[in-house]
Protein backbone atom coordinates (compact mmCIF):
# COMPACT_ATOMS: atom_id res chain seq x y z
CA MET A 1 167.09 141.69 172.04
CA SER A 2 163.91 143.15 170.59
CA GLU A 3 163.66 143.48 166.84
CA ARG A 4 161.39 145.83 164.90
CA VAL A 5 160.70 146.06 161.17
CA ASP A 6 159.19 149.19 159.61
CA THR A 7 156.90 148.53 156.69
CA THR A 8 153.84 150.02 155.00
CA TYR A 9 150.20 149.18 155.58
CA THR A 10 147.08 149.98 153.61
CA CYS A 11 144.20 151.27 155.70
CA PRO A 12 141.18 148.97 155.26
CA GLU A 13 138.80 151.93 155.62
CA CYS A 14 140.17 154.73 153.44
CA GLY A 15 142.92 153.00 151.46
CA GLU A 16 145.67 155.35 152.67
CA ILE A 17 149.15 153.80 152.67
CA SER A 18 151.18 154.66 155.75
CA GLU A 19 154.03 153.35 157.89
CA LEU A 20 153.58 150.49 160.34
CA SER A 21 156.12 149.19 162.85
CA MET A 22 155.98 145.41 163.22
CA TRP A 23 157.85 143.69 166.04
CA LYS A 24 159.47 140.41 165.05
CA SER A 25 160.49 139.84 168.67
CA ILE A 26 160.31 141.58 172.02
CA ASN A 27 162.56 140.83 174.97
CA VAL A 28 160.76 142.14 178.04
CA THR A 29 163.82 141.67 180.21
CA LEU A 30 165.93 144.01 178.08
CA ASN A 31 163.03 146.23 176.98
CA PRO A 32 160.46 146.18 179.82
CA GLU A 33 158.73 149.27 178.40
CA LEU A 34 157.35 147.12 175.57
CA LYS A 35 155.44 144.73 177.83
CA PRO A 36 152.55 147.05 178.84
CA LYS A 37 152.17 148.08 175.19
CA LEU A 38 151.81 144.45 174.23
CA LEU A 39 149.39 143.67 177.04
CA ASP A 40 147.08 146.55 176.17
CA GLY A 41 147.20 145.64 172.47
CA SER A 42 148.73 148.89 171.24
CA LEU A 43 151.89 147.16 170.03
CA LEU A 44 149.86 145.19 167.49
CA THR A 45 147.45 147.95 166.50
CA PHE A 46 147.36 150.06 163.34
CA ILE A 47 145.95 153.60 163.59
CA CYS A 48 145.44 155.36 160.29
CA PRO A 49 146.84 158.93 160.36
CA LEU A 50 144.20 160.02 157.83
CA CYS A 51 140.89 158.58 159.02
CA ASP A 52 141.84 157.34 162.54
CA CYS A 53 140.83 153.77 161.69
CA ASN A 54 141.90 151.55 164.58
CA GLN A 55 142.62 147.92 163.73
CA GLY A 56 144.52 145.04 165.30
CA VAL A 57 147.21 143.56 163.07
CA ALA A 58 148.13 139.88 163.38
CA TYR A 59 151.65 138.79 162.47
CA PRO A 60 154.35 136.44 163.83
CA LEU A 61 155.88 137.74 167.06
CA LEU A 62 158.32 136.14 169.51
CA TYR A 63 157.84 137.04 173.20
CA HIS A 64 160.93 136.44 175.33
CA ASP A 65 161.26 136.69 179.11
CA GLN A 66 164.84 135.93 180.15
CA ASP A 67 164.19 136.29 183.88
CA LYS A 68 161.36 133.75 183.97
CA ARG A 69 162.97 131.71 181.18
CA PHE A 70 160.15 131.29 178.70
CA MET A 71 159.41 132.16 175.10
CA VAL A 72 156.04 132.26 173.39
CA TRP A 73 155.85 132.49 169.62
CA LEU A 74 152.68 134.01 168.23
CA MET A 75 152.19 132.32 164.86
CA PRO A 76 148.80 133.28 163.37
CA GLU A 77 147.25 130.44 161.39
CA THR A 78 147.18 132.69 158.32
CA ASP A 79 151.00 132.70 158.47
CA GLY A 80 151.34 128.94 158.52
CA GLY A 81 150.94 128.42 162.26
CA SER A 82 153.74 126.43 163.85
CA GLU A 83 154.90 124.85 160.59
CA GLU A 84 157.71 127.38 160.32
CA LEU A 85 159.15 126.05 163.57
CA ASN A 86 159.56 122.53 162.19
CA THR A 87 162.81 123.35 160.44
CA PRO A 88 166.45 122.47 161.22
CA GLU A 89 167.19 126.14 161.98
CA PHE A 90 164.59 126.37 164.73
CA ALA A 91 165.38 122.88 166.01
CA LYS A 92 168.99 123.99 166.50
CA MET A 93 167.84 127.13 168.31
CA SER A 94 165.52 125.11 170.57
CA ALA A 95 168.33 122.76 171.60
CA LEU A 96 170.19 125.75 173.06
CA MET A 97 167.25 126.76 175.27
CA GLN A 98 167.68 124.19 178.02
CA GLY A 99 165.44 124.98 180.98
CA TYR A 100 163.17 127.23 178.90
CA ARG A 101 159.48 126.75 178.32
CA LEU A 102 158.93 127.10 174.58
CA ARG A 103 155.37 127.58 173.38
CA VAL A 104 153.51 128.32 170.15
CA VAL A 105 150.11 130.06 170.03
CA THR A 106 147.99 131.14 167.07
CA THR A 107 146.02 134.03 168.57
CA PHE A 108 146.85 137.18 170.53
CA ASP A 109 144.46 136.17 173.34
CA ARG A 110 146.33 132.89 173.82
CA LEU A 111 149.63 134.80 173.91
CA LEU A 112 148.27 136.94 176.75
CA GLU A 113 147.08 133.83 178.55
CA LYS A 114 150.54 132.21 178.37
CA ILE A 115 152.15 135.39 179.71
CA PHE A 116 149.65 135.45 182.57
CA ILE A 117 150.31 131.79 183.42
CA PHE A 118 154.09 132.00 183.32
CA ASP A 119 154.25 135.37 185.06
CA ASN A 120 152.48 133.66 187.96
CA GLU A 121 155.01 130.80 187.79
CA MET A 122 152.35 128.20 187.01
CA ASP A 123 152.53 125.23 184.65
CA ASP A 124 150.30 125.54 181.59
CA ARG A 125 150.41 121.75 181.13
CA VAL A 126 148.79 121.35 184.55
CA LEU A 127 146.21 123.99 183.70
CA GLU A 128 145.43 122.19 180.45
CA LEU A 129 144.63 119.08 182.49
CA LEU A 130 142.32 121.15 184.68
CA ARG A 131 140.66 122.51 181.55
CA GLU A 132 140.07 118.98 180.24
CA VAL A 133 138.60 117.81 183.56
CA LEU A 134 136.30 120.83 183.70
CA VAL A 135 135.07 120.33 180.15
CA ASN A 136 134.52 116.58 180.56
CA SER A 137 133.03 116.53 184.04
CA VAL A 138 130.98 119.72 184.01
CA PHE A 139 130.33 121.13 180.54
CA GLU A 140 129.80 117.94 178.56
CA LYS A 141 128.01 116.23 181.44
CA HIS A 142 125.45 119.04 181.65
CA GLY A 143 125.31 119.81 177.93
CA ILE A 144 126.95 123.23 178.26
CA THR A 145 128.43 124.61 175.05
CA TYR A 146 131.00 127.40 175.07
CA GLU A 147 133.23 129.22 172.62
CA GLN A 148 136.38 130.16 174.55
CA LEU A 149 137.87 129.49 177.98
CA PHE A 150 140.76 131.51 179.39
CA TYR A 151 142.69 131.54 182.65
CA SER A 152 142.24 135.12 183.79
CA LYS A 153 143.21 135.47 187.46
CA VAL A 154 145.06 133.61 190.20
CA ASP A 155 145.44 134.16 193.95
CA LEU A 156 148.71 132.69 195.20
CA THR A 157 148.36 133.98 198.77
CA SER A 158 146.22 131.04 199.90
CA PRO A 159 147.72 127.59 200.66
CA ASP A 160 146.44 126.31 197.31
CA PRO A 161 146.12 128.53 194.20
CA VAL A 162 142.67 130.01 193.58
CA ILE A 163 142.23 130.17 189.81
CA ASP A 164 139.60 132.11 187.87
CA LEU A 165 138.59 130.88 184.43
CA THR A 166 136.61 133.21 182.22
CA ILE A 167 134.23 131.28 179.96
CA PHE A 168 132.77 132.89 176.84
CA PHE A 169 129.47 131.74 175.36
CA LYS A 170 127.89 132.54 172.02
CA ASP A 171 124.56 133.96 173.17
CA GLN A 172 125.12 135.02 176.77
CA PRO A 173 127.56 137.06 178.84
CA PRO A 174 130.83 135.44 179.94
CA LYS A 175 130.96 133.71 183.31
CA VAL A 176 133.77 133.10 185.79
CA TYR A 177 134.39 129.58 187.10
CA ILE A 178 136.65 129.28 190.17
CA ILE A 179 138.96 126.33 190.84
CA GLN A 180 140.39 126.14 194.35
CA GLY A 181 141.48 123.81 197.12
CA PRO A 182 143.79 120.76 197.22
CA ASP A 183 141.68 118.92 194.63
CA GLY A 184 142.33 121.70 192.11
CA TYR A 185 145.80 122.75 190.96
CA PRO A 186 147.82 120.61 193.46
CA ARG A 187 145.91 117.47 192.50
CA ALA A 188 146.36 118.23 188.81
CA VAL A 189 150.13 118.55 189.33
CA GLU A 190 150.17 115.11 190.92
CA LEU A 191 148.10 113.56 188.14
CA LEU A 192 150.18 115.12 185.38
CA HIS A 193 153.54 113.93 186.62
CA GLU A 194 152.70 110.71 188.45
CA LYS A 195 149.64 109.28 186.71
CA LEU A 196 150.26 110.54 183.17
CA SER A 197 154.06 110.24 183.48
CA ILE A 198 154.67 113.67 181.95
CA PRO A 199 158.14 114.81 183.11
CA LYS A 200 158.49 117.89 185.26
CA GLU A 201 161.49 119.07 183.25
CA GLU A 202 160.69 120.81 179.99
CA THR A 203 161.96 119.26 176.79
CA PRO A 204 163.75 121.81 174.54
CA TYR A 205 161.35 122.00 171.64
CA TRP A 206 158.44 124.21 170.65
CA LYS A 207 155.03 122.85 171.49
CA THR A 208 151.42 123.95 171.47
CA VAL A 209 149.91 123.43 174.91
CA GLY A 210 146.22 123.80 174.20
CA GLN A 211 143.34 121.71 172.95
CA GLY A 212 144.68 118.29 172.02
CA TYR A 213 147.91 118.64 173.99
CA LEU A 214 147.10 115.98 176.59
CA GLU A 215 146.39 113.39 173.91
CA LEU A 216 149.85 114.02 172.44
CA ALA A 217 151.42 114.06 175.90
CA ARG A 218 149.94 110.67 176.71
CA GLY A 219 151.62 109.41 173.55
CA GLY A 220 155.01 110.57 174.76
CA PHE A 221 155.15 114.08 173.30
CA GLY A 222 154.56 116.08 176.49
């Protein structure tokens, strides 16, 4: 079930102290009305009733989709990141989530990306391999520097998924890079499970599938 905690928050602009509802967890299967509010950012936004200051508020939040069987825990680095999940209590909880994909992210944007990936029934481990190939074979080869890279769109109507990646640069507008065809996602699936020996079945523990994941996976922690 979804869990909300009401607390107080000091406006960074005018100093007014007012109420703020913080969601410790949201279950979008039981409370589907919360999902669009999360996706548009309003669920994690403070609006001052006095001066109308509008500010995003970062705090730990568990996203749970029972139908698609995945959980994503937003753990901002300022709150200790994933360290809180390395406890016997959470290990016991994880063991009960057989068949679930359990992920940890540190930013709201990465939470949205995980929701996008899993809503489209794709494997973020496969997409991380595609990200690594793209960075190594294209960006580093041609000396391209970037700040952020997000999976932003997918077309599942074609024989092979057509995936859009939005790439953000420091001094120029973002660009979209398209991955498509049998040498894209299907080939990455084959490489992940057959060449890198990463099992198709999810192991019941929380993991961060992002930069550095493949190195850990090659060492047996995938």
